C-alpha atoms as a PDB file:
ATOM      1  CA  UNK A   1     205.879  95.554  83.361  1.00  0.00           C
ATOM      2  CA  UNK A   2     206.906  92.208  84.808  1.00  0.00           C
ATOM      3  CA  UNK A   3     206.677  90.748  81.362  1.00  0.00           C
ATOM      4  CA  UNK A   4     209.246  93.106  79.995  1.00  0.00           C
ATOM      5  CA  UNK A   5     211.601  91.983  82.923  1.00  0.00           C
ATOM      6  CA  UNK A   6     211.022  88.366  82.208  1.00  0.00           C
ATOM      7  CA  UNK A   7     211.872  88.798  78.573  1.00  0.00           C
ATOM      8  CA  UNK A   8     215.067  90.775  79.365  1.00  0.00           C
ATOM      9  CA  UNK A   9     216.046  87.949  81.859  1.00  0.00           C
ATOM     10  CA  UNK A  10     215.281  85.335  79.343  1.00  0.00           C
ATOM     11  CA  UNK A  11     217.373  87.183  76.562  1.00  0.00           C
ATOM     12  CA  UNK A  12     220.241  87.646  79.048  1.00  0.00           C
ATOM     13  CA  UNK A  13     220.208  83.919  79.964  1.00  0.00           C
ATOM     14  CA  UNK A  14     220.218  83.008  76.079  1.00  0.00           C
ATOM     15  CA  UNK A  15     223.123  85.377  75.638  1.00  0.00           C
ATOM     16  CA  UNK A  16     225.090  83.777  78.494  1.00  0.00           C
ATOM     17  CA  UNK A  17     224.515  80.376  77.212  1.00  0.00           C
ATOM     18  CA  UNK A  18     225.359  81.483  73.640  1.00  0.00           C
ATOM     19  CA  UNK A  19     228.616  83.129  74.558  1.00  0.00           C
ATOM     20  CA  UNK A  20     229.854  80.410  77.032  1.00  0.00           C
ATOM     21  CA  UNK A  21     228.779  77.168  75.549  1.00  0.00           C
ATOM     22  CA  UNK A  22     228.792  78.010  71.841  1.00  0.00           C
ATOM     23  CA  UNK A  23     231.880  79.939  72.095  1.00  0.00           C
ATOM     24  CA  UNK A  24     233.789  76.834  73.514  1.00  0.00           C
ATOM     25  CA  UNK A  25     232.288  74.617  70.810  1.00  0.00           C
ATOM     26  CA  UNK A  26     233.446  77.133  68.101  1.00  0.00           C
ATOM     27  CA  UNK A  27     236.993  77.105  69.705  1.00  0.00           C
ATOM     28  CA  UNK A  28     237.069  73.485  69.713  1.00  0.00           C
ATOM     29  CA  UNK A  29     235.963  73.194  66.037  1.00  0.00           C
ATOM     30  CA  UNK A  30     238.630  75.726  64.959  1.00  0.00           C
ATOM     31  CA  UNK A  31     241.344  73.858  66.829  1.00  0.00           C
ATOM     32  CA  UNK A  32     240.324  70.535  65.192  1.00  0.00           C
ATOM     33  CA  UNK A  33     240.434  72.336  61.750  1.00  0.00           C
ATOM     34  CA  UNK A  34     243.942  73.576  62.483  1.00  0.00           C
ATOM     35  CA  UNK A  35     245.078  70.057  63.488  1.00  0.00           C
ATOM     36  CA  UNK A  36     243.700  68.531  60.441  1.00  0.00           C
ATOM     37  CA  UNK A  37     245.340  71.231  58.294  1.00  0.00           C
ATOM     38  CA  UNK A  38     248.770  70.493  60.022  1.00  0.00           C
ATOM     39  CA  UNK A  39     248.292  66.674  59.638  1.00  0.00           C
ATOM     40  CA  UNK A  40     247.378  67.136  55.892  1.00  0.00           C
ATOM     41  CA  UNK A  41     250.475  69.361  55.347  1.00  0.00           C
ATOM     42  CA  UNK A  42     252.671  66.854  57.080  1.00  0.00           C
ATOM     43  CA  UNK A  43     251.257  63.796  55.166  1.00  0.00           C
ATOM     44  CA  UNK A  44     251.538  65.721  51.936  1.00  0.00           C
ATOM     45  CA  UNK A  45     255.241  66.610  52.557  1.00  0.00           C
ATOM     46  CA  UNK A  46     256.167  63.105  53.502  1.00  0.00           C
ATOM     47  CA  UNK A  47     254.422  61.664  50.477  1.00  0.00           C
ATOM     48  CA  UNK A  48     255.990  64.258  48.181  1.00  0.00           C
ATOM     49  CA  UNK A  49     259.472  63.536  49.536  1.00  0.00           C
ATOM     50  CA  UNK A  50     258.906  59.664  49.211  1.00  0.00           C
ATOM     51  CA  UNK A  51     257.734  60.142  45.575  1.00  0.00           C
ATOM     52  CA  UNK A  52     260.802  62.201  44.846  1.00  0.00           C
ATOM     53  CA  UNK A  53     262.967  59.452  46.429  1.00  0.00           C
ATOM     54  CA  UNK A  54     261.214  56.757  44.223  1.00  0.00           C
ATOM     55  CA  UNK A  55     261.682  58.877  41.066  1.00  0.00           C
ATOM     56  CA  UNK A  56     265.482  59.237  41.767  1.00  0.00           C
ATOM     57  CA  UNK A  57     265.940  55.600  42.443  1.00  0.00           C
ATOM     58  CA  UNK A  58     264.073  54.769  39.288  1.00  0.00           C
ATOM     59  CA  UNK A  59     266.340  57.079  37.252  1.00  0.00           C
ATOM     60  CA  UNK A  60     269.272  55.282  38.728  1.00  0.00           C
ATOM     61  CA  UNK A  61     267.954  51.639  38.390  1.00  0.00           C
ATOM     62  CA  UNK A  62     265.864  51.595  35.298  1.00  0.00           C
ATOM     63  CA  UNK A  63     266.379  52.627  31.715  1.00  0.00           C
ATOM     64  CA  UNK A  64     264.163  52.764  28.617  1.00  0.00           C
ATOM     65  CA  UNK A  65     260.757  53.938  27.710  1.00  0.00           C
ATOM     66  CA  UNK A  66     258.915  52.184  30.482  1.00  0.00           C
ATOM     67  CA  UNK A  67     261.077  53.776  33.110  1.00  0.00           C
ATOM     68  CA  UNK A  68     260.542  57.174  31.422  1.00  0.00           C
ATOM     69  CA  UNK A  69     256.810  56.824  31.524  1.00  0.00           C
ATOM     70  CA  UNK A  70     256.836  55.811  35.089  1.00  0.00           C
ATOM     71  CA  UNK A  71     259.024  58.827  35.877  1.00  0.00           C
ATOM     72  CA  UNK A  72     256.794  61.251  34.087  1.00  0.00           C
ATOM     73  CA  UNK A  73     253.738  59.860  35.895  1.00  0.00           C
ATOM     74  CA  UNK A  74     255.414  60.193  39.245  1.00  0.00           C
ATOM     75  CA  UNK A  75     256.395  63.740  38.414  1.00  0.00           C
ATOM     76  CA  UNK A  76     252.754  64.512  37.584  1.00  0.00           C
ATOM     77  CA  UNK A  77     251.677  63.096  41.064  1.00  0.00           C
ATOM     78  CA  UNK A  78     254.549  65.120  42.799  1.00  0.00           C
ATOM     79  CA  UNK A  79     253.178  68.270  41.088  1.00  0.00           C
ATOM     80  CA  UNK A  80     249.683  67.426  42.064  1.00  0.00           C
ATOM     81  CA  UNK A  81     250.667  67.081  45.757  1.00  0.00           C
ATOM     82  CA  UNK A  82     252.597  70.461  45.559  1.00  0.00           C
ATOM     83  CA  UNK A  83     249.448  72.062  44.339  1.00  0.00           C
ATOM     84  CA  UNK A  84     247.276  70.231  46.989  1.00  0.00           C
END
């Protein structure tokens, strides 16, 4: 009979540890994932805006096939960032 109580006590202690310690670790991991997501979004937006700025300055400054090719390549990069 005492063995049953020892097993119950051991299982309760495991549950306490699992729900207090592990729960905090899971929350910390989720918070870090959210922060990384926010950082990635902000960096992507900034980079996308800068590519758009460079593209518009190229359109004003350079003419010819070379400038057109660069503009097309920058537009492809811009679309890839939007899809990221």
